[in-house]
Amino acid sequence: MRVTEVALATSVPPAMRRPGPGGQDAGPGWRDACLASWPAPGWRVLALTPPEEAGDAPALPAQVEPVRAAPGVAARYGRPGVWLSDALARAAGTGAEVVGIVNADIRLDLCAARRAALAGLARDGLVACHRMEVAHAAQAEGPFYRYGFDLVLMPAAIAPRLDLGAFAFGVPWWDYWILLDAKMLGIEVSVVECPGVRHLTHAAAWRREAWLAALREVAARIAPRRDALAPLGLGPVAAATGEMLLALPDPEHEGYGLSELVELAGTRFGLEIVRAAQRRAFRLD
């Protein structure tokens, strides 16, 4: 009988475009390489597809299980997507000891020892991995992107405690919020740099409107739990920018210039979350 130690959930888009040599599109090849890299002995992978993309879902390797995702992301954010809470619930439903989420454009070049090390850390708390940026598929080394997280693992028992209802794959802020939410719940958070978590570099594709909408979801969740922030010791900058976010009016009553202030405060607040998480950091070479 196959034992599932880790269950990963993801959402794979119908198309992936990435710059390649000579102007060629490296996206399809990179997506296939990512899909093939996730499964391993003891690691089960679920690929959730939004209802709107059911007819265009990409072909999956036999080791990656297709799952129909819950609806609602397109109505909320203007584009199809998968709720993170749905993804983690499906992963936890496998009975795996450790569950996680991985972005669709991350290739996991992880040997058995690295996988075991990540799973071991994730048995004791939430583990968030920085990605290594590469310019082409054959590149072995590159800089780490230290301002975001594309692979997150945790004990299955933690997943239902996280407040992820408004966050989805492809929507900004989910990675910052999942770390902050865990820390406010008293869950140990670790940040890992691992050369085997690779990302093919491309231009940023996020939409400012979605970024601001997701930031407001973060602020709305912080407001009733403000007292839980103080014991975290995030520092005076995080305290000041966090209070600024909580004090700003809703979009209908912002007035001129306040959306720019929200963006500035949110950017700095997010960086302070990353800095706080990096107090417990590891590197897996």
Protein backbone atom coordinates (compact mmCIF):
# COMPACT_ATOMS: atom_id res chain seq x y z
CA MET A 1 0.00 0.00 0.00
CA ARG A 2 1.34 3.44 -0.93
CA VAL A 3 1.97 5.67 2.09
CA THR A 4 1.34 9.38 1.54
CA GLU A 5 3.75 11.42 3.62
CA VAL A 6 3.19 14.74 1.84
CA ALA A 7 0.17 15.87 -0.21
CA LEU A 8 0.72 18.89 -2.46
CA ALA A 9 -2.09 20.86 -4.07
CA THR A 10 -1.71 23.21 -7.00
CA SER A 11 -3.59 24.85 -9.86
CA VAL A 12 -2.20 24.47 -13.40
CA PRO A 13 -3.28 27.10 -15.96
CA PRO A 14 -4.41 26.06 -19.45
CA ALA A 15 -1.49 28.00 -20.94
CA MET A 16 1.87 29.14 -19.63
CA ARG A 17 4.07 31.57 -21.55
CA ARG A 18 7.69 32.17 -20.66
CA PRO A 19 10.53 33.82 -22.62
CA GLY A 20 12.95 31.37 -24.16
CA PRO A 21 16.11 31.50 -26.27
CA GLY A 22 15.73 33.15 -29.66
CA GLY A 23 12.34 34.53 -28.75
CA GLN A 24 10.76 31.09 -28.53
CA ASP A 25 8.03 30.39 -25.98
CA ALA A 26 9.51 28.21 -23.23
CA GLY A 27 6.25 28.09 -21.27
CA PRO A 28 4.80 24.74 -22.43
CA GLY A 29 8.06 22.91 -21.83
CA TRP A 30 8.54 24.53 -18.44
CA ARG A 31 4.99 23.71 -17.36
CA ASP A 32 5.47 20.06 -18.33
CA ALA A 33 8.78 19.95 -16.44
CA CYS A 34 7.12 21.41 -13.34
CA LEU A 35 4.26 18.89 -13.52
CA ALA A 36 6.70 16.00 -13.80
CA SER A 37 8.83 17.27 -10.90
CA TRP A 38 6.24 17.33 -8.13
CA PRO A 39 5.38 13.64 -7.53
CA ALA A 40 7.86 11.38 -5.75
CA PRO A 41 7.68 8.34 -3.48
CA GLY A 42 5.52 9.40 -0.54
CA TRP A 43 4.53 12.69 -2.21
CA ARG A 44 1.01 12.85 -3.67
CA VAL A 45 -0.02 15.73 -5.95
CA LEU A 46 -3.49 17.14 -6.63
CA ALA A 47 -4.11 19.61 -9.47
CA LEU A 48 -7.28 21.63 -8.96
CA THR A 49 -9.02 23.13 -11.99
CA PRO A 50 -11.53 26.01 -11.79
CA PRO A 51 -14.95 25.28 -13.34
CA GLU A 52 -14.35 27.97 -15.97
CA GLU A 53 -11.23 26.16 -17.23
CA ALA A 54 -12.55 22.60 -17.12
CA GLY A 55 -12.66 22.33 -20.91
CA ASP A 56 -9.14 23.69 -21.35
CA ALA A 57 -7.33 21.87 -18.56
CA PRO A 58 -3.84 20.69 -19.60
CA ALA A 59 -2.94 17.03 -19.83
CA LEU A 60 -1.53 15.78 -16.54
CA PRO A 61 1.04 13.05 -15.85
CA ALA A 62 -0.43 9.86 -14.43
CA GLN A 63 1.04 10.70 -11.00
CA VAL A 64 -0.82 14.04 -10.77
CA GLU A 65 -4.49 13.70 -9.82
CA PRO A 66 -7.07 16.03 -11.41
CA VAL A 67 -9.60 17.62 -9.03
CA ARG A 68 -12.53 19.92 -9.82
CA ALA A 69 -12.13 23.10 -7.76
CA ALA A 70 -14.85 24.99 -5.91
CA PRO A 71 -16.26 28.00 -7.80
CA GLY A 72 -16.18 31.68 -6.87
CA VAL A 73 -12.70 33.02 -7.59
CA ALA A 74 -13.62 34.46 -11.00
CA ALA A 75 -16.60 36.31 -9.53
CA ARG A 76 -14.45 37.75 -6.76
CA TYR A 77 -11.27 38.68 -8.65
CA GLY A 78 -12.25 38.83 -12.32
CA ARG A 79 -10.28 35.77 -13.48
CA PRO A 80 -10.56 32.00 -12.89
CA GLY A 81 -8.66 30.59 -9.97
CA VAL A 82 -8.59 28.14 -7.07
CA TRP A 83 -9.25 28.99 -3.45
CA LEU A 84 -6.30 28.12 -1.22
CA SER A 85 -8.63 26.88 1.49
CA ASP A 86 -10.14 24.44 -1.02
CA ALA A 87 -6.71 23.29 -2.14
CA LEU A 88 -5.46 22.65 1.39
CA ALA A 89 -8.69 20.91 2.38
CA ARG A 90 -8.34 18.52 -0.57
CA ALA A 91 -4.71 17.83 0.37
CA ALA A 92 -5.67 17.20 4.00
CA GLY A 93 -8.40 14.84 2.80
CA THR A 94 -5.75 12.44 1.50
CA GLY A 95 -4.76 11.60 5.07
CA ALA A 96 -1.20 12.82 4.54
CA GLU A 97 0.77 13.86 7.60
CA VAL A 98 2.08 16.99 5.83
CA VAL A 99 0.15 19.09 3.32
CA GLY A 100 1.17 21.99 1.15
CA ILE A 101 0.62 24.22 -1.83
CA VAL A 102 2.96 24.89 -4.74
CA ASN A 103 2.65 27.41 -7.55
CA ALA A 104 2.27 25.93 -11.02
CA ASP A 105 5.49 27.44 -12.40
CA ILE A 106 7.79 25.98 -9.74
CA ARG A 107 10.03 23.05 -10.68
CA LEU A 108 11.04 20.89 -7.73
CA ASP A 109 14.50 19.47 -8.36
CA LEU A 110 14.57 17.78 -4.97
CA CYS A 111 16.44 14.63 -4.12
CA ALA A 112 15.01 12.23 -1.55
CA ALA A 113 17.15 13.76 1.21
CA ARG A 114 15.91 17.29 0.50
CA ARG A 115 12.30 16.14 0.40
CA ALA A 116 12.77 14.35 3.70
CA ALA A 117 14.34 17.45 5.25
CA LEU A 118 11.46 19.67 4.12
CA ALA A 119 8.87 17.20 5.34
CA GLY A 120 10.68 16.91 8.67
CA LEU A 121 10.61 20.67 9.22
CA ALA A 122 6.95 20.80 8.19
CA ARG A 123 5.92 18.29 10.83
CA ASP A 124 6.68 20.91 13.48
CA GLY A 125 5.23 24.03 11.86
CA LEU A 126 4.67 26.00 8.69
CA VAL A 127 7.56 25.99 6.20
CA ALA A 128 7.74 28.60 3.42
CA CYS A 129 10.28 28.24 0.62
CA HIS A 130 11.93 30.99 -1.39
CA ARG A 131 12.36 30.17 -5.06
CA MET A 132 15.58 30.26 -7.06
CA GLU A 133 15.32 32.31 -10.25
CA VAL A 134 16.72 30.79 -13.45
CA ALA A 135 16.83 32.27 -16.95
CA HIS A 136 16.52 28.93 -18.76
CA ALA A 137 15.65 25.35 -17.92
CA ALA A 138 19.25 24.10 -17.90
CA GLN A 139 20.52 26.75 -15.46
CA ALA A 140 21.59 25.11 -12.19
CA GLU A 141 22.26 28.18 -10.01
CA GLY A 142 20.65 31.59 -9.72
CA PRO A 143 19.59 34.24 -7.20
CA PHE A 144 16.88 33.58 -4.66
CA TYR A 145 13.75 35.69 -4.72
CA ARG A 146 13.45 36.67 -1.06
CA TYR A 147 10.19 38.64 -1.15
CA GLY A 148 7.75 35.85 -1.77
CA PHE A 149 7.04 32.17 -1.23
CA ASP A 150 5.97 29.61 -3.83
CA LEU A 151 6.07 26.35 -1.85
CA VAL A 152 4.45 26.14 1.59
CA LEU A 153 4.25 23.00 3.74
CA MET A 154 2.64 22.36 7.12
CA PRO A 155 1.21 19.64 9.36
CA ALA A 156 -2.22 18.62 8.09
CA ALA A 157 -3.76 19.58 11.44
CA ILE A 158 -2.77 23.22 10.89
CA ALA A 159 -4.55 23.64 7.55
CA PRO A 160 -8.12 24.05 8.86
CA ARG A 161 -6.97 26.62 11.43
CA LEU A 162 -5.73 29.07 8.81
CA ASP A 163 -8.05 31.85 7.65
CA LEU A 164 -7.56 31.61 3.89
CA GLY A 165 -11.14 32.04 2.69
CA ALA A 166 -10.53 35.11 0.49
CA PHE A 167 -7.18 34.07 -1.00
CA ALA A 168 -6.52 32.11 -4.18
CA PHE A 169 -3.70 30.92 -6.41
CA GLY A 170 -2.58 33.78 -8.61
CA VAL A 171 -4.00 36.43 -6.27
CA PRO A 172 -1.34 38.57 -4.56
CA TRP A 173 -0.71 38.57 -0.80
CA TRP A 174 -1.65 34.98 -0.03
CA ASP A 175 1.95 34.02 0.78
CA TYR A 176 2.47 36.98 3.15
CA TRP A 177 -0.88 36.44 4.81
CA ILE A 178 -0.44 32.70 5.39
CA LEU A 179 2.80 33.42 7.30
CA LEU A 180 1.29 36.23 9.36
CA ASP A 181 -1.87 34.26 10.13
CA ALA A 182 0.19 31.29 11.29
CA LYS A 183 2.36 33.48 13.52
CA MET A 184 -0.70 35.13 15.08
CA LEU A 185 -2.02 31.64 15.83
CA GLY A 186 1.22 30.77 17.65
CA ILE A 187 2.39 28.36 14.93
CA GLU A 188 6.13 28.19 14.36
CA VAL A 189 7.12 29.54 10.94
CA SER A 190 10.35 28.67 9.15
CA VAL A 191 11.75 30.07 5.91
CA VAL A 192 13.86 27.81 3.70
CA GLU A 193 16.17 28.56 0.80
CA CYS A 194 16.65 25.50 -1.37
CA PRO A 195 18.32 25.47 -4.80
CA GLY A 196 15.89 22.74 -5.86
CA VAL A 197 12.88 25.08 -5.77
CA ARG A 198 13.31 26.72 -9.18
CA HIS A 199 11.34 29.35 -11.10
CA LEU A 200 11.80 30.41 -14.72
CA THR A 201 12.10 34.20 -14.61
CA HIS A 202 9.40 36.24 -16.31
CA ALA A 203 7.92 39.71 -16.14
CA ALA A 204 5.52 40.42 -13.28
CA ALA A 205 1.93 39.77 -14.29
CA TRP A 206 -0.07 40.90 -11.26
CA ARG A 207 -2.84 43.46 -11.59
CA ARG A 208 -2.78 46.48 -9.28
CA GLU A 209 -6.52 46.27 -8.64
CA ALA A 210 -6.27 42.65 -7.50
CA TRP A 211 -3.21 43.50 -5.37
CA LEU A 212 -5.09 46.27 -3.57
CA ALA A 213 -8.21 44.12 -3.15
CA ALA A 214 -6.17 41.31 -1.60
CA LEU A 215 -4.35 43.78 0.67
CA ARG A 216 -7.70 44.98 1.96
CA GLU A 217 -8.58 41.37 2.76
CA VAL A 218 -5.41 41.23 4.87
CA ALA A 219 -6.32 44.47 6.66
CA ALA A 220 -9.87 43.23 7.31
CA ARG A 221 -8.49 40.09 8.96
CA ILE A 222 -5.95 41.93 11.05
CA ALA A 223 -8.47 44.43 12.45
CA PRO A 224 -10.29 42.08 14.87
CA ARG A 225 -6.99 40.45 15.89
CA ARG A 226 -4.91 43.56 16.41
CA ASP A 227 -3.89 42.45 19.90
CA ALA A 228 -2.30 39.32 18.42
CA LEU A 229 0.19 41.41 16.44
CA ALA A 230 1.97 43.00 19.40
CA PRO A 231 3.50 39.78 20.85
CA LEU A 232 5.05 38.97 17.46
CA GLY A 233 7.60 41.76 17.79
CA LEU A 234 7.34 42.79 14.15
CA GLY A 235 8.95 46.12 14.95
CA PRO A 236 7.96 49.80 14.82
CA VAL A 237 7.81 50.01 11.02
CA ALA A 238 5.36 47.10 10.79
CA ALA A 239 3.33 48.57 13.64
CA ALA A 240 3.15 51.98 11.94
CA THR A 241 2.28 50.71 8.47
CA GLY A 242 -0.16 48.18 9.88
CA GLU A 243 -1.99 50.90 11.79
CA MET A 244 -2.03 53.01 8.63
CA LEU A 245 -3.73 50.21 6.72
CA LEU A 246 -6.32 49.74 9.43
CA ALA A 247 -7.08 53.47 9.58
CA LEU A 248 -7.68 54.00 5.87
CA PRO A 249 -11.26 54.15 4.57
CA ASP A 250 -12.82 51.70 2.13
CA PRO A 251 -12.27 52.31 -1.62
CA GLU A 252 -15.58 54.12 -2.08
CA HIS A 253 -14.50 56.82 0.39
CA GLU A 254 -10.77 56.97 -0.30
CA GLY A 255 -10.55 60.27 -2.10
CA TYR A 256 -7.59 61.45 -4.15
CA GLY A 257 -4.21 59.88 -3.44
CA LEU A 258 -5.23 57.44 -0.72
CA SER A 259 -4.94 54.36 -2.94
CA GLU A 260 -1.27 55.27 -3.49
CA LEU A 261 -0.85 55.55 0.28
CA VAL A 262 -2.45 52.13 0.72
CA GLU A 263 -0.02 50.69 -1.83
CA LEU A 264 3.01 52.22 -0.14
CA ALA A 265 1.96 51.15 3.36
CA GLY A 266 1.06 47.66 2.16
CA THR A 267 4.37 47.14 0.38
CA ARG A 268 6.36 48.05 3.48
CA PHE A 269 4.11 46.04 5.78
CA GLY A 270 4.59 42.97 3.57
CA LEU A 271 8.36 43.35 3.68
CA GLU A 272 8.24 43.48 7.47
CA ILE A 273 6.26 40.22 7.51
CA VAL A 274 8.99 38.59 5.42
CA ARG A 275 11.72 39.95 7.70
CA ALA A 276 9.94 38.59 10.76
CA ALA A 277 9.52 35.15 9.19
CA GLN A 278 13.19 35.04 8.24
CA ARG A 279 14.26 35.11 11.88
CA ARG A 280 13.99 31.33 11.69
CA ALA A 281 15.69 30.54 8.39
CA PHE A 282 17.39 27.48 6.92
CA ARG A 283 19.23 26.63 3.74
CA LEU A 284 19.11 23.19 2.17
CA ASP A 285 22.08 22.76 -0.14
